[in-house]
Amino acid sequence: MYRKSTLENGIRVVTETMPEHRSISMGILIDAGPFDEGPEQSGLAHLVEHAVFCGTSSRSASQIARLMDEAGGHLGAFTARDFTCYSATVLDDYFTYALDLLGDILLNSIFPPDSLEREKTAILREIERTGDMPSERAHDLLKGFAWSDHSLGRSIAGRPDTVQLMTREDVIYYVHEHYSPDRIIVAAAGNVDHEDFVAQVRDAFWRMMGKSEPVAKASPVFKPGVVLENMPVSQVYFSLGIRACPYADPDRYGMHVLNNILGGGISSRLFRRVRENRGLVYHISSEYHAYRDDGMLVVEGCAAAENILQVLELVFDELWKLKSAKEPVDEEELWKAKMHIRGQHLISGENTNTRMNRLASQELYFGRYIPDEDILAQIDEIQTQKFQFLTDEVLQDAFSQTAVSVVGPEAPGHYQLLSIQRLFDDHRYICK
């Protein structure tokens, strides 16, 4: 059962009672993130997320870790492009204790200078690690190129030069400016009583007051094109992005179906044609990445250098077949995609952490709860004619609203920036 309350200071509390569970997952979602940073502050939101675990006025970092381990629970956090989230999953016996701990780190963190420097070093190692992983590098390169003038295009972890220059004062100012009650959603799912949980949240966060000042933000501009980066690896990794609708757009359900048919599973068109029929890749897939201000349909994979142009050609070809209805989606293929999405949604929903994250994100993006039956009904209503209309709309300007990043070894005889760019310009890929 879902319930929602708003505290006197503006904090929203949403819960879903799942009495058959012994666990409770709770999360503090803060409507603050990379979009609150300037280019010279890239990575500050992520550093803050690390820094709050460095100790409070009453608990050291080691005490925070030990206390959660003793409870047999999990305490964590992550920074997304649209928000920051702190969470804990514990047995219902310990939920008061875990909520008090979350309140303590968000209200009473002291950000010790020596601990902050260690976290900065850890983040620099994290950035280096991403640079050593060609698939992640291709993904970051794609978004950095396509959304080059917007926070959506910046690395969440930041750049080495910006991270190194961040100070304790930067962290304190960021928290003071952006961690305000009107930006906070507290969500819980599991064996939780709503009224009891609201009372506990009030006790943990009663000292948090004030409102954040709204800041005008520029809308993202999607830049099409190709970017190539050399790396000493044996395979060539690519990420191809097509501009798509944002998170809360009415067409979002259709986007999930389109993604599933294109590359969302082992029976998808891309996997069957490029992996199963041609054997040109080990892995290829697509995902729909949706944010508050924009979205992107992303196709990713890797191939031998001598095969990469052929793989990209096949991807473009599949996109055109969907757009032109050269190989239209029939009732059976559409039904299979909807059943796959339905199964994934319901299975993942048996996890309290997943349910908590859904509650919080729905409150953030929609300001309301969307029951599972409503989501599945919207997906089920997508019929072949409606799907083709959506596909036409999404892929209408696919070749003028597409960006590609390629990361691979120096192999001028197999692929070049000009060769990949030519795939955009060759009309036979959009006129077949």
Protein backbone atom coordinates (compact mmCIF):
# COMPACT_ATOMS: atom_id res chain seq x y z
CA MET A 1 0.00 0.00 0.00
CA TYR A 2 1.32 3.43 -1.00
CA ARG A 3 1.08 6.55 1.17
CA LYS A 4 2.55 10.06 1.05
CA SER A 5 2.99 12.84 3.62
CA THR A 6 4.73 16.22 3.60
CA LEU A 7 6.49 17.42 6.74
CA GLU A 8 6.24 20.93 8.11
CA ASN A 9 9.66 21.83 6.68
CA GLY A 10 8.72 20.61 3.17
CA ILE A 11 10.33 17.15 3.11
CA ARG A 12 8.16 14.66 1.23
CA VAL A 13 7.82 11.15 2.69
CA VAL A 14 6.56 8.28 0.53
CA THR A 15 6.19 4.66 1.60
CA GLU A 16 5.00 1.36 0.22
CA THR A 17 4.09 -1.27 2.80
CA MET A 18 5.12 -4.82 1.88
CA PRO A 19 4.20 -6.81 5.02
CA GLU A 20 5.42 -10.11 3.60
CA HIS A 21 9.03 -8.87 3.84
CA ARG A 22 11.31 -8.67 6.88
CA SER A 23 13.50 -5.97 5.35
CA ILE A 24 13.06 -2.25 4.82
CA SER A 25 14.84 -0.23 2.15
CA MET A 26 14.92 3.49 2.75
CA GLY A 27 16.38 6.24 0.63
CA ILE A 28 17.01 9.97 0.87
CA LEU A 29 16.71 11.33 -2.67
CA ILE A 30 18.01 14.88 -3.06
CA ASP A 31 17.09 16.92 -6.10
CA ALA A 32 20.68 18.06 -6.48
CA GLY A 33 23.44 16.83 -8.72
CA PRO A 34 25.73 17.68 -11.63
CA PHE A 35 23.20 20.22 -12.97
CA ASP A 36 24.01 22.39 -9.93
CA GLU A 37 27.68 22.55 -10.89
CA GLY A 38 29.46 24.93 -13.18
CA PRO A 39 32.00 23.47 -15.65
CA GLU A 40 34.81 24.47 -13.28
CA GLN A 41 33.08 22.52 -10.47
CA SER A 42 32.64 19.30 -12.42
CA GLY A 43 32.44 16.41 -9.94
CA LEU A 44 31.51 18.45 -6.86
CA ALA A 45 28.13 16.74 -6.31
CA HIS A 46 29.91 13.36 -6.49
CA LEU A 47 32.60 14.49 -4.03
CA VAL A 48 29.90 15.62 -1.58
CA GLU A 49 28.28 12.19 -1.82
CA HIS A 50 31.61 10.63 -0.80
CA ALA A 51 32.41 13.23 1.86
CA VAL A 52 29.29 12.82 4.01
CA PHE A 53 30.54 9.37 5.05
CA CYS A 54 33.83 10.79 6.40
CA GLY A 55 32.43 11.36 9.88
CA THR A 56 29.92 13.42 11.85
CA SER A 57 30.09 15.41 15.07
CA SER A 58 29.22 12.23 17.00
CA ARG A 59 30.46 9.35 14.78
CA SER A 60 33.71 8.67 12.98
CA ALA A 61 33.79 7.14 9.48
CA SER A 62 34.85 3.77 10.92
CA GLN A 63 32.02 3.88 13.47
CA ILE A 64 29.47 4.56 10.72
CA ALA A 65 30.73 1.55 8.75
CA ARG A 66 30.94 -0.73 11.79
CA LEU A 67 27.48 0.13 13.06
CA MET A 68 25.86 -0.74 9.74
CA ASP A 69 27.82 -3.99 9.47
CA GLU A 70 26.72 -5.00 12.96
CA ALA A 71 23.10 -4.52 11.92
CA GLY A 72 23.65 -6.83 8.94
CA GLY A 73 22.50 -4.13 6.57
CA HIS A 74 23.79 -2.16 3.63
CA LEU A 75 24.48 1.57 3.54
CA GLY A 76 25.30 3.26 0.25
CA ALA A 77 24.91 6.23 -2.04
CA PHE A 78 25.17 7.22 -5.67
CA THR A 79 25.17 10.36 -7.76
CA ALA A 80 23.04 10.34 -10.90
CA ARG A 81 22.78 13.02 -13.56
CA ASP A 82 19.43 14.22 -12.15
CA PHE A 83 19.79 13.63 -8.40
CA THR A 84 21.81 12.22 -5.49
CA CYS A 85 20.57 9.32 -3.37
CA TYR A 86 21.62 7.94 0.04
CA SER A 87 20.10 4.61 1.01
CA ALA A 88 20.08 1.79 3.53
CA THR A 89 18.55 -1.67 3.57
CA VAL A 90 18.11 -3.32 6.97
CA LEU A 91 15.89 -5.75 8.84
CA ASP A 92 12.75 -4.08 10.13
CA ASP A 93 14.18 -4.35 13.69
CA TYR A 94 16.83 -1.78 12.78
CA PHE A 95 14.98 0.75 10.65
CA THR A 96 14.91 3.47 13.36
CA TYR A 97 18.62 3.03 13.87
CA ALA A 98 19.39 3.19 10.11
CA LEU A 99 17.22 6.28 9.60
CA ASP A 100 18.96 8.03 12.49
CA LEU A 101 22.30 7.21 10.87
CA LEU A 102 21.21 8.66 7.51
CA GLY A 103 19.95 11.80 9.24
CA ASP A 104 23.22 12.14 11.11
CA ILE A 105 25.45 12.00 8.02
CA LEU A 106 23.26 14.48 6.13
CA LEU A 107 22.85 17.02 8.96
CA ASN A 108 26.00 16.62 11.04
CA SER A 109 28.87 15.73 8.70
CA ILE A 110 32.02 17.67 9.59
CA PHE A 111 34.06 16.92 6.45
CA PRO A 112 37.50 16.44 8.10
CA PRO A 113 40.16 17.95 5.79
CA ASP A 114 42.44 14.89 5.85
CA SER A 115 39.52 12.52 5.09
CA LEU A 116 38.34 14.81 2.30
CA GLU A 117 41.76 14.68 0.66
CA ARG A 118 41.68 10.88 0.82
CA GLU A 119 38.27 10.85 -0.85
CA LYS A 120 39.56 13.14 -3.59
CA THR A 121 42.41 10.70 -4.18
CA ALA A 122 39.96 7.80 -4.30
CA ILE A 123 37.85 9.66 -6.88
CA LEU A 124 40.93 10.36 -9.00
CA ARG A 125 41.64 6.61 -8.98
CA GLU A 126 37.98 6.05 -9.96
CA ILE A 127 38.40 8.40 -12.93
CA GLU A 128 41.58 6.58 -13.96
CA ARG A 129 39.76 3.24 -13.71
CA THR A 130 37.04 4.45 -16.08
CA GLY A 131 39.75 5.54 -18.50
CA ASP A 132 41.10 1.98 -18.43
CA MET A 133 37.70 0.52 -19.39
CA PRO A 134 37.06 1.12 -23.10
CA SER A 135 33.32 0.40 -22.95
CA GLU A 136 32.79 2.99 -20.21
CA ARG A 137 35.12 5.40 -21.95
CA ALA A 138 33.11 5.11 -25.18
CA HIS A 139 29.89 5.75 -23.25
CA ASP A 140 31.24 8.84 -21.49
CA LEU A 141 32.76 10.06 -24.73
CA LEU A 142 29.38 9.78 -26.48
CA LYS A 143 27.49 11.84 -23.92
CA GLY A 144 30.32 14.32 -23.58
CA PHE A 145 30.27 14.89 -27.33
CA ALA A 146 26.49 14.91 -27.87
CA TRP A 147 25.73 17.14 -24.85
CA SER A 148 29.01 19.01 -24.82
CA ASP A 149 27.53 22.28 -23.55
CA HIS A 150 25.32 20.82 -20.81
CA SER A 151 25.72 19.04 -17.48
CA LEU A 152 24.26 15.87 -19.05
CA GLY A 153 27.47 15.61 -21.04
CA ARG A 154 29.89 16.01 -18.14
CA SER A 155 31.33 13.04 -16.29
CA ILE A 156 29.58 12.58 -12.94
CA ALA A 157 32.93 11.93 -11.26
CA GLY A 158 34.38 15.11 -12.74
CA ARG A 159 37.76 15.80 -14.30
CA PRO A 160 41.11 15.35 -12.51
CA ASP A 161 41.89 19.08 -12.68
CA THR A 162 38.54 20.12 -11.17
CA VAL A 163 38.56 17.44 -8.44
CA GLN A 164 42.08 18.33 -7.33
CA LEU A 165 41.14 21.98 -6.80
CA MET A 166 38.01 21.36 -4.71
CA THR A 167 38.13 22.50 -1.10
CA ARG A 168 36.29 21.80 2.13
CA GLU A 169 34.62 25.19 1.73
CA ASP A 170 33.29 24.14 -1.70
CA VAL A 171 31.72 21.04 -0.15
CA ILE A 172 30.15 22.92 2.76
CA TYR A 173 28.77 25.63 0.48
CA TYR A 174 27.28 23.05 -1.91
CA VAL A 175 25.49 21.23 0.92
CA HIS A 176 24.25 24.51 2.41
CA GLU A 177 22.91 25.73 -0.94
CA HIS A 178 21.37 22.55 -2.36
CA TYR A 179 20.59 20.09 0.45
CA SER A 180 17.39 21.88 1.49
CA PRO A 181 14.06 20.32 2.62
CA ASP A 182 12.14 21.31 -0.51
CA ARG A 183 14.61 19.23 -2.52
CA ILE A 184 14.39 16.11 -0.34
CA ILE A 185 12.26 12.99 -0.79
CA VAL A 186 12.45 10.26 1.85
CA ALA A 187 11.19 6.92 0.55
CA ALA A 188 10.79 3.51 2.17
CA ALA A 189 9.54 0.14 0.99
CA GLY A 190 9.14 -3.10 2.89
CA ASN A 191 7.69 -3.98 6.27
CA VAL A 192 7.11 -0.34 7.20
CA ASP A 193 4.25 1.47 8.90
CA HIS A 194 3.73 4.84 7.24
CA GLU A 195 2.74 6.91 10.28
CA ASP A 196 5.56 5.48 12.35
CA PHE A 197 8.06 6.12 9.57
CA VAL A 198 6.88 9.73 9.10
CA ALA A 199 7.35 10.34 12.84
CA GLN A 200 10.87 8.91 12.67
CA VAL A 201 11.75 11.05 9.64
CA ARG A 202 10.46 14.13 11.47
CA ASP A 203 12.71 13.30 14.44
CA ALA A 204 15.74 12.74 12.20
CA PHE A 205 15.34 15.85 10.01
CA TRP A 206 13.48 18.42 12.14
CA ARG A 207 16.50 20.76 12.20
CA MET A 208 16.65 20.99 8.40
CA MET A 209 15.01 24.26 7.35
CA GLY A 210 14.99 26.74 4.48
CA LYS A 211 14.39 26.62 0.73
CA SER A 212 16.74 26.60 -2.21
CA GLU A 213 16.79 29.42 -4.70
CA PRO A 214 15.59 28.36 -8.18
CA VAL A 215 18.27 28.72 -10.81
CA ALA A 216 17.56 29.11 -14.51
CA LYS A 217 19.23 26.33 -16.46
CA ALA A 218 19.83 26.11 -20.19
CA SER A 219 18.15 23.30 -22.12
CA PRO A 220 20.51 20.70 -23.59
CA VAL A 221 21.38 20.93 -27.27
CA PHE A 222 22.09 17.57 -28.92
CA LYS A 223 25.12 17.66 -31.22
CA PRO A 224 25.32 14.94 -33.89
CA GLY A 225 28.58 13.67 -35.32
CA VAL A 226 31.45 11.25 -34.73
CA VAL A 227 34.26 11.26 -32.18
CA LEU A 228 37.17 8.79 -32.23
CA GLU A 229 39.72 8.06 -29.50
CA ASN A 230 42.66 5.68 -29.66
CA MET A 231 43.38 3.28 -26.82
CA PRO A 232 45.75 0.28 -26.67
CA VAL A 233 43.03 -2.42 -26.73
CA SER A 234 42.42 -5.40 -28.99
CA GLN A 235 38.79 -4.65 -29.87
CA VAL A 236 36.98 -1.51 -31.05
CA TYR A 237 34.23 -0.26 -28.71
CA PHE A 238 31.41 1.97 -29.88
CA SER A 239 28.45 3.87 -28.46
CA LEU A 240 25.81 5.20 -30.81
CA GLY A 241 23.24 7.64 -29.46
CA ILE A 242 19.99 8.88 -30.99
CA ARG A 243 18.20 11.76 -29.34
CA ALA A 244 15.02 10.56 -27.60
CA CYS A 245 12.31 11.88 -25.30
CA PRO A 246 13.02 12.82 -21.63
CA TYR A 247 12.01 10.78 -18.60
CA ALA A 248 8.51 12.14 -18.04
CA ASP A 249 7.46 12.34 -21.71
CA PRO A 250 4.13 10.64 -22.57
CA ASP A 251 5.95 8.51 -25.18
CA ARG A 252 8.31 6.97 -22.60
CA TYR A 253 6.53 3.60 -22.56
CA GLY A 254 6.76 3.32 -26.32
CA MET A 255 10.47 4.12 -26.09
CA HIS A 256 10.98 1.16 -23.78
CA VAL A 257 9.21 -1.10 -26.28
CA LEU A 258 11.22 0.28 -29.19
CA ASN A 259 14.45 -0.25 -27.24
CA ASN A 260 13.48 -3.82 -26.39
CA ILE A 261 12.79 -4.70 -30.02
CA LEU A 262 15.96 -3.02 -31.27
CA GLY A 263 18.52 -4.33 -28.78
CA GLY A 264 16.96 -5.03 -25.40
CA GLY A 265 17.54 -8.78 -25.20
CA ILE A 266 18.96 -11.89 -26.86
CA SER A 267 15.94 -12.12 -29.19
CA SER A 268 16.25 -8.46 -30.24
CA ARG A 269 16.88 -7.49 -33.86
CA LEU A 270 20.43 -6.28 -33.34
CA PHE A 271 21.50 -9.29 -31.29
CA ARG A 272 20.03 -11.76 -33.76
CA ARG A 273 21.37 -10.11 -36.89
CA VAL A 274 24.80 -8.88 -35.76
CA ARG A 275 25.71 -11.54 -33.18
CA GLU A 276 23.74 -14.68 -34.06
CA ASN A 277 23.49 -14.45 -37.86
CA ARG A 278 26.80 -12.72 -38.68
CA GLY A 279 29.01 -13.49 -35.68
CA LEU A 280 30.56 -10.02 -35.93
CA VAL A 281 30.37 -9.20 -32.21
CA TYR A 282 30.29 -10.95 -28.88
CA HIS A 283 28.03 -8.33 -27.35
CA ILE A 284 25.65 -5.72 -28.72
CA SER A 285 22.67 -4.13 -27.00
CA SER A 286 20.63 -0.95 -26.67
CA GLU A 287 19.30 1.04 -23.73
CA TYR A 288 16.97 3.98 -23.32
CA HIS A 289 18.65 6.61 -21.12
CA ALA A 290 16.11 9.17 -19.94
CA TYR A 291 16.68 12.28 -17.85
CA ARG A 292 14.65 15.28 -16.74
CA ASP A 293 15.71 17.48 -19.67
CA ASP A 294 16.47 15.05 -22.49
CA GLY A 295 16.93 11.43 -23.46
CA MET A 296 18.99 9.18 -25.65
CA LEU A 297 18.55 5.75 -27.24
CA VAL A 298 22.01 4.20 -26.97
CA VAL A 299 23.37 1.23 -28.94
CA GLU A 300 26.65 -0.21 -27.66
CA GLY A 301 28.97 -3.06 -28.54
CA CYS A 302 32.48 -4.01 -29.59
CA ALA A 303 34.03 -5.71 -32.59
CA ALA A 304 37.34 -6.45 -34.25
CA ALA A 305 38.81 -3.42 -35.98
CA GLU A 306 38.29 -4.91 -39.43
CA ASN A 307 34.57 -5.44 -38.68
CA ILE A 308 33.59 -2.20 -36.97
CA LEU A 309 32.40 -0.36 -40.08
CA GLN A 310 30.26 -3.32 -41.08
CA VAL A 311 28.75 -3.48 -37.58
CA LEU A 312 27.87 0.22 -37.62
CA GLU A 313 26.40 -0.19 -41.10
CA LEU A 314 24.17 -3.01 -39.83
CA VAL A 315 23.04 -0.85 -36.89
CA PHE A 316 22.08 1.99 -39.25
CA ASP A 317 20.35 -0.52 -41.50
CA GLU A 318 18.24 -1.87 -38.63
CA LEU A 319 17.28 1.65 -37.62
CA TRP A 320 16.18 2.40 -41.17
CA LYS A 321 14.17 -0.82 -41.40
CA LEU A 322 12.26 0.19 -38.28
CA LYS A 323 11.76 3.74 -39.52
CA SER A 324 10.68 2.86 -43.05
CA ALA A 325 8.67 -0.24 -42.03
CA LYS A 326 10.75 -2.20 -44.53
CA GLU A 327 10.61 -4.97 -41.93
CA PRO A 328 7.61 -3.82 -39.88
CA VAL A 329 7.06 -4.97 -36.32
CA ASP A 330 4.24 -7.49 -36.39
CA GLU A 331 1.82 -8.45 -33.62
CA GLU A 332 3.96 -11.37 -32.41
CA GLU A 333 7.21 -9.37 -32.14
CA LEU A 334 5.40 -6.54 -30.35
CA TRP A 335 3.73 -8.99 -27.96
CA LYS A 336 7.06 -10.64 -27.10
CA ALA A 337 8.65 -7.26 -26.36
CA LYS A 338 5.77 -6.26 -24.08
CA MET A 339 5.89 -9.60 -22.26
CA HIS A 340 9.64 -9.22 -21.74
CA ILE A 341 9.21 -5.74 -20.26
CA ARG A 342 6.30 -6.91 -18.10
CA GLY A 343 8.32 -9.82 -16.68
CA GLN A 344 11.37 -7.69 -15.96
CA HIS A 345 9.28 -5.02 -14.25
CA LEU A 346 7.39 -7.44 -11.99
CA ILE A 347 10.41 -9.58 -11.08
CA SER A 348 12.57 -6.57 -10.18
CA GLY A 349 9.67 -5.18 -8.16
CA GLU A 350 9.93 -8.05 -5.68
CA ASN A 351 13.05 -6.36 -4.29
CA THR A 352 12.46 -3.72 -1.60
CA ASN A 353 15.37 -1.58 -2.82
CA THR A 354 13.89 -1.47 -6.32
CA ARG A 355 10.49 -0.52 -4.94
CA MET A 356 12.02 2.24 -2.84
CA ASN A 357 13.89 3.66 -5.83
CA ARG A 358 10.71 3.64 -7.92
CA LEU A 359 8.80 5.49 -5.22
CA ALA A 360 11.46 8.18 -4.95
CA SER A 361 12.03 8.64 -8.69
CA GLN A 362 8.29 8.78 -9.46
CA GLU A 363 7.87 11.47 -6.82
CA LEU A 364 10.82 13.39 -8.28
CA TYR A 365 9.76 13.25 -11.94
CA PHE A 366 5.96 13.12 -11.66
CA GLY A 367 5.09 14.27 -8.14
CA ARG A 368 2.90 11.21 -7.72
CA TYR A 369 2.85 7.43 -7.45
CA ILE A 370 2.23 5.33 -10.57
CA PRO A 371 0.97 1.82 -9.70
CA ASP A 372 2.40 -1.19 -11.51
CA GLU A 373 -0.96 -1.97 -13.10
CA ASP A 374 -1.08 1.51 -14.67
CA ILE A 375 2.45 1.17 -16.07
CA LEU A 376 1.74 -2.28 -17.51
CA ALA A 377 -1.60 -1.12 -18.92
CA GLN A 378 0.12 1.76 -20.75
CA ILE A 379 2.61 -0.68 -22.26
CA ASP A 380 -0.12 -3.15 -23.18
CA GLU A 381 -2.07 -0.41 -25.01
CA ILE A 382 0.75 0.05 -27.54
CA GLN A 383 -0.46 -1.64 -30.71
CA THR A 384 1.35 -2.02 -34.03
CA GLN A 385 -0.07 1.13 -35.65
CA LYS A 386 0.69 3.28 -32.59
CA PHE A 387 4.15 1.74 -32.33
CA GLN A 388 4.98 2.49 -35.96
CA PHE A 389 3.84 6.08 -35.50
CA LEU A 390 6.16 6.44 -32.49
CA THR A 391 9.03 4.80 -34.36
CA ASP A 392 8.57 7.19 -37.27
CA GLU A 393 8.62 10.11 -34.86
CA VAL A 394 11.68 8.99 -32.90
CA LEU A 395 13.71 7.98 -35.94
CA GLN A 396 12.46 10.77 -38.23
CA ASP A 397 15.73 12.64 -37.91
CA ALA A 398 17.81 9.68 -36.74
CA PHE A 399 20.69 10.35 -39.10
CA SER A 400 20.80 14.06 -38.34
CA GLN A 401 20.31 13.52 -34.58
CA THR A 402 22.81 10.70 -34.08
CA ALA A 403 26.19 10.79 -32.40
CA VAL A 404 28.78 8.00 -32.41
CA SER A 405 31.86 7.51 -30.25
CA VAL A 406 34.50 4.93 -31.11
CA VAL A 407 37.36 3.81 -28.85
CA GLY A 408 39.95 1.44 -30.24
CA PRO A 409 43.54 0.79 -31.28
CA GLU A 410 45.33 2.75 -33.93
CA ALA A 411 44.39 0.84 -37.07
CA PRO A 412 44.28 3.28 -40.01
CA GLY A 413 43.84 0.46 -42.49
CA HIS A 414 40.55 -0.65 -40.92
CA TYR A 415 38.68 2.41 -39.71
CA GLN A 416 39.12 6.14 -39.64
CA LEU A 417 37.08 9.09 -38.46
CA LEU A 418 36.33 9.97 -42.07
CA SER A 419 35.19 6.42 -42.83
CA ILE A 420 32.71 6.42 -39.96
CA GLN A 421 31.47 9.90 -40.82
CA ARG A 422 30.82 8.72 -44.35
CA LEU A 423 28.20 6.31 -42.97
CA PHE A 424 26.13 9.36 -42.04
CA ASP A 425 26.55 10.97 -45.43
CA ASP A 426 26.01 7.98 -47.66
CA HIS A 427 22.37 8.22 -48.79
CA ARG A 428 22.00 4.55 -49.51
CA TYR A 429 21.66 3.97 -45.76
CA ILE A 430 18.65 6.23 -45.55
CA CYS A 431 17.09 5.43 -48.92
CA LYS A 432 17.05 1.62 -48.93
